[in-house]
Amino acid sequence: MTFLRDTEFAWCPGCGNFAIRLALAETLKELKLKPQKTLMVIGIGQAAKMPHYLNINFFNGLHGRSLPVAFAAKAVHPDLTVIAESGDGDMYGEGGNHLVHAIRRNFDVTILVHNNQIYGLTKGQGSPTTEMGHKTSSQVKGVINEPLNPLALALSLNAPFVARTWSGAKDHFKRIVSEDDNSYDVTDKVIAFEKSLEFGEKIPMGIIYKKER
């Protein structure tokens, strides 16, 4: 059974969400998961429309509130594969408090965040990960706040699996989501922190940190 759903899209042409959709559907199929046993919980935003275009169970929650619902679903139905998925504004802004405590509690839930460093759905104002100085529709003189580093945050809270991939590399995306890609000792938290702080002309991709909890 395919995870792809034949439907009309509301995404803008050229959006990276199309590539993520295809890669995610292929990954779930290759992992031999069943659509009826897979749940995606989402918030609000363009990224959060993902399960609307997949053959999958989903719960569309409030802005920034996907994680409490995802954890509740996993607690009640531990046999489900649960994925919480949304964008950087929804997950790091409105949902930042939930993310912190979600990592602490360490439920068996996969969290996927589309980080394009902007609020894409609501006319392009700065998100928690927008770089300082970047001019937006609402920060016309440039963003003045330090950007959030989600990988470093996750590591500081002892998240058991921290990784980064991107929408333009389908095979890499699939390896990351299925936990099959690394280039150094990913159990070394000091190296992982160093990698999490690298961001500029070169951006580390792959499994940043992985250790059982």
Protein backbone atom coordinates (compact mmCIF):
# COMPACT_ATOMS: atom_id res chain seq x y z
CA MET A 1 0.00 0.00 0.00
CA THR A 2 1.34 3.42 -0.95
CA PHE A 3 1.60 6.33 1.46
CA LEU A 4 1.05 8.82 -1.35
CA ARG A 5 -2.41 10.31 -1.76
CA ASP A 6 -3.71 11.64 -5.07
CA THR A 7 -5.08 15.06 -4.22
CA GLU A 8 -4.89 18.75 -5.10
CA PHE A 9 -2.07 20.71 -3.45
CA ALA A 10 -2.16 24.12 -1.74
CA TRP A 11 1.64 24.47 -1.63
CA CYS A 12 3.41 27.04 -3.78
CA PRO A 13 5.21 25.76 -6.92
CA GLY A 14 8.80 24.84 -6.17
CA CYS A 15 8.25 24.41 -2.42
CA GLY A 16 10.58 21.96 -0.70
CA ASN A 17 7.57 20.32 0.92
CA PHE A 18 6.88 18.41 -2.31
CA ALA A 19 10.27 16.70 -2.12
CA ILE A 20 9.87 16.00 1.59
CA ARG A 21 6.49 14.40 0.91
CA LEU A 22 7.93 11.99 -1.65
CA ALA A 23 10.95 11.12 0.48
CA LEU A 24 8.84 10.59 3.59
CA ALA A 25 6.34 8.37 1.76
CA GLU A 26 9.15 6.22 0.35
CA THR A 27 10.83 5.96 3.76
CA LEU A 28 7.66 4.85 5.53
CA LYS A 29 7.05 2.24 2.84
CA GLU A 30 10.64 0.93 2.96
CA LEU A 31 10.37 0.63 6.74
CA LYS A 32 7.35 -1.61 6.03
CA LEU A 33 5.03 0.49 8.14
CA LYS A 34 1.29 0.28 7.63
CA PRO A 35 -0.70 3.48 6.98
CA GLN A 36 -3.39 2.37 9.43
CA LYS A 37 -0.72 1.92 12.13
CA THR A 38 1.01 5.25 11.48
CA LEU A 39 -0.13 8.58 12.92
CA MET A 40 1.13 12.05 12.05
CA VAL A 41 0.25 14.89 14.43
CA ILE A 42 0.61 18.43 13.12
CA GLY A 43 0.12 22.05 14.09
CA ILE A 44 -0.44 25.02 11.75
CA GLY A 45 1.52 26.17 8.70
CA GLN A 46 2.59 25.05 5.24
CA ALA A 47 4.77 22.25 6.62
CA ALA A 48 1.89 21.09 8.79
CA LYS A 49 -0.21 20.38 5.68
CA MET A 50 1.99 17.37 4.96
CA PRO A 51 -0.39 14.57 6.04
CA HIS A 52 -3.20 16.16 4.02
CA TYR A 53 -1.31 14.78 1.02
CA LEU A 54 -0.41 11.38 2.43
CA ASN A 55 -2.36 8.17 2.92
CA ILE A 56 -1.92 8.25 6.68
CA ASN A 57 -3.81 8.84 9.93
CA PHE A 58 -3.39 12.39 11.18
CA PHE A 59 -4.56 14.80 13.83
CA ASN A 60 -4.51 18.52 12.96
CA GLY A 61 -4.02 20.33 16.26
CA LEU A 62 -3.59 23.91 17.38
CA HIS A 63 -0.65 26.14 16.46
CA GLY A 64 2.42 24.84 18.31
CA ARG A 65 0.52 22.09 20.09
CA SER A 66 1.32 18.98 18.08
CA LEU A 67 3.62 17.41 20.69
CA PRO A 68 1.13 17.04 23.59
CA VAL A 69 -1.30 15.31 21.24
CA ALA A 70 1.44 13.09 19.78
CA PHE A 71 2.54 11.99 23.25
CA ALA A 72 -1.02 11.31 24.36
CA ALA A 73 -1.64 9.18 21.26
CA LYS A 74 1.54 7.17 21.86
CA ALA A 75 0.69 6.66 25.53
CA VAL A 76 -2.79 5.34 24.71
CA HIS A 77 -1.73 3.37 21.60
CA PRO A 78 1.93 2.32 22.05
CA ASP A 79 1.69 0.11 18.96
CA LEU A 80 1.34 3.19 16.72
CA THR A 81 4.26 4.77 14.90
CA VAL A 82 3.76 8.43 15.84
CA ILE A 83 5.33 11.36 13.97
CA ALA A 84 4.97 14.97 15.10
CA GLU A 85 5.65 17.25 12.14
CA SER A 86 5.57 21.00 11.54
CA GLY A 87 7.63 24.07 10.64
CA ASP A 88 10.19 26.12 12.56
CA GLY A 89 7.67 28.77 13.58
CA ASP A 90 5.11 26.28 14.84
CA MET A 91 7.57 23.92 16.55
CA TYR A 92 10.18 26.38 17.88
CA GLY A 93 8.02 29.49 18.39
CA GLU A 94 4.48 28.71 19.51
CA GLY A 95 5.51 25.17 20.46
CA GLY A 96 8.93 25.86 21.95
CA ASN A 97 7.86 25.15 25.52
CA HIS A 98 6.38 21.80 24.50
CA LEU A 99 9.53 20.87 22.59
CA VAL A 100 11.73 21.41 25.65
CA HIS A 101 9.67 19.12 27.86
CA ALA A 102 9.04 16.63 25.07
CA ILE A 103 12.78 16.00 24.87
CA ARG A 104 13.00 15.66 28.65
CA ARG A 105 10.19 13.08 28.73
CA ASN A 106 11.65 11.11 25.81
CA PHE A 107 8.51 9.48 24.44
CA ASP A 108 8.98 7.18 21.45
CA VAL A 109 7.83 9.83 18.97
CA THR A 110 9.69 11.07 15.88
CA ILE A 111 9.76 14.87 15.54
CA LEU A 112 10.28 16.27 12.03
CA VAL A 113 10.76 20.04 11.67
CA HIS A 114 10.87 21.88 8.34
CA ASN A 115 13.26 24.72 9.16
CA ASN A 116 13.26 27.33 6.39
CA GLN A 117 14.06 30.10 8.89
CA ILE A 118 10.91 32.13 8.19
CA TYR A 119 7.14 32.13 8.75
CA GLY A 120 6.29 31.18 5.17
CA LEU A 121 2.50 30.96 5.51
CA THR A 122 1.90 34.35 7.14
CA LYS A 123 3.72 36.72 4.77
CA GLY A 124 7.31 36.05 5.77
CA GLN A 125 8.00 37.52 9.19
CA GLY A 126 11.05 36.26 11.08
CA SER A 127 10.85 32.93 12.89
CA PRO A 128 12.92 31.83 15.92
CA THR A 129 15.64 30.57 13.55
CA THR A 130 15.85 33.61 11.24
CA GLU A 131 19.40 35.00 11.09
CA MET A 132 20.16 38.35 12.69
CA GLY A 133 20.00 41.24 10.24
CA HIS A 134 17.67 39.46 7.81
CA LYS A 135 14.98 41.89 6.60
CA THR A 136 11.42 40.62 6.55
CA SER A 137 7.93 41.99 5.97
CA SER A 138 7.58 42.85 9.66
CA GLN A 139 11.26 43.39 10.57
CA VAL A 140 11.96 45.93 7.86
CA LYS A 141 15.26 47.02 9.44
CA GLY A 142 16.36 43.46 10.03
CA VAL A 143 15.88 40.83 12.74
CA ILE A 144 17.56 41.95 15.99
CA ASN A 145 17.25 38.73 18.03
CA GLU A 146 19.80 35.92 18.24
CA PRO A 147 18.50 32.89 16.30
CA LEU A 148 17.61 29.72 18.15
CA ASN A 149 19.94 26.78 17.53
CA PRO A 150 17.54 23.82 17.70
CA LEU A 151 20.25 21.16 17.45
CA ALA A 152 22.28 22.61 20.32
CA LEU A 153 19.08 22.97 22.34
CA ALA A 154 18.16 19.34 21.78
CA LEU A 155 21.67 18.20 22.73
CA SER A 156 21.64 20.26 25.92
CA LEU A 157 18.47 18.44 26.95
CA ASN A 158 20.04 15.03 26.19
CA ALA A 159 17.84 14.17 23.21
CA PRO A 160 18.62 10.58 22.18
CA PHE A 161 18.57 11.26 18.43
CA VAL A 162 19.46 14.57 16.74
CA ALA A 163 19.92 14.86 12.98
CA ARG A 164 19.70 17.24 10.04
CA THR A 165 18.92 16.64 6.39
CA TRP A 166 17.40 18.75 3.61
CA SER A 167 14.61 18.59 1.07
CA GLY A 168 16.93 18.57 -1.96
CA ALA A 169 18.59 15.24 -1.12
CA LYS A 170 15.98 12.48 -1.08
CA ASP A 171 18.33 9.56 -0.48
CA HIS A 172 20.02 11.39 2.39
CA PHE A 173 16.61 12.27 3.88
CA LYS A 174 15.58 8.62 3.76
CA ARG A 175 18.78 7.44 5.44
CA ILE A 176 18.38 10.00 8.22
CA VAL A 177 14.74 9.25 8.97
CA SER A 178 15.53 5.52 9.03
CA GLU A 179 18.63 6.20 11.21
CA ASP A 180 21.21 4.85 8.75
CA ASP A 181 23.85 7.58 8.19
CA ASN A 182 26.88 8.79 10.14
CA SER A 183 30.48 9.90 9.55
CA TYR A 184 31.93 10.01 13.09
CA ASP A 185 31.26 8.67 16.58
CA VAL A 186 27.71 9.97 16.97
CA THR A 187 27.67 8.97 20.65
CA ASP A 188 30.31 11.62 21.45
CA LYS A 189 28.30 14.59 22.74
CA VAL A 190 31.27 17.00 22.68
CA ILE A 191 31.76 16.44 18.95
CA ALA A 192 28.00 16.64 18.46
CA PHE A 193 27.90 20.05 20.16
CA GLU A 194 30.74 21.26 17.96
CA LYS A 195 28.85 20.10 14.88
CA SER A 196 25.63 21.75 16.08
CA LEU A 197 27.42 25.11 16.27
CA GLU A 198 28.66 24.93 12.68
CA PHE A 199 26.34 26.92 10.47
CA GLY A 200 27.34 29.14 7.56
CA GLU A 201 28.88 28.42 4.18
CA LYS A 202 29.03 24.77 5.24
CA ILE A 203 26.21 23.17 7.24
CA PRO A 204 26.72 19.71 8.78
CA MET A 205 24.20 17.13 7.58
CA GLY A 206 23.50 13.67 8.91
CA ILE A 207 23.11 12.15 12.34
CA ILE A 208 24.55 14.67 14.78
CA TYR A 209 24.03 12.62 17.95
CA LYS A 210 22.57 9.24 18.81
CA LYS A 211 22.56 7.46 22.16
CA GLU A 212 20.05 5.20 23.87
CA ARG A 213 18.15 6.59 26.85
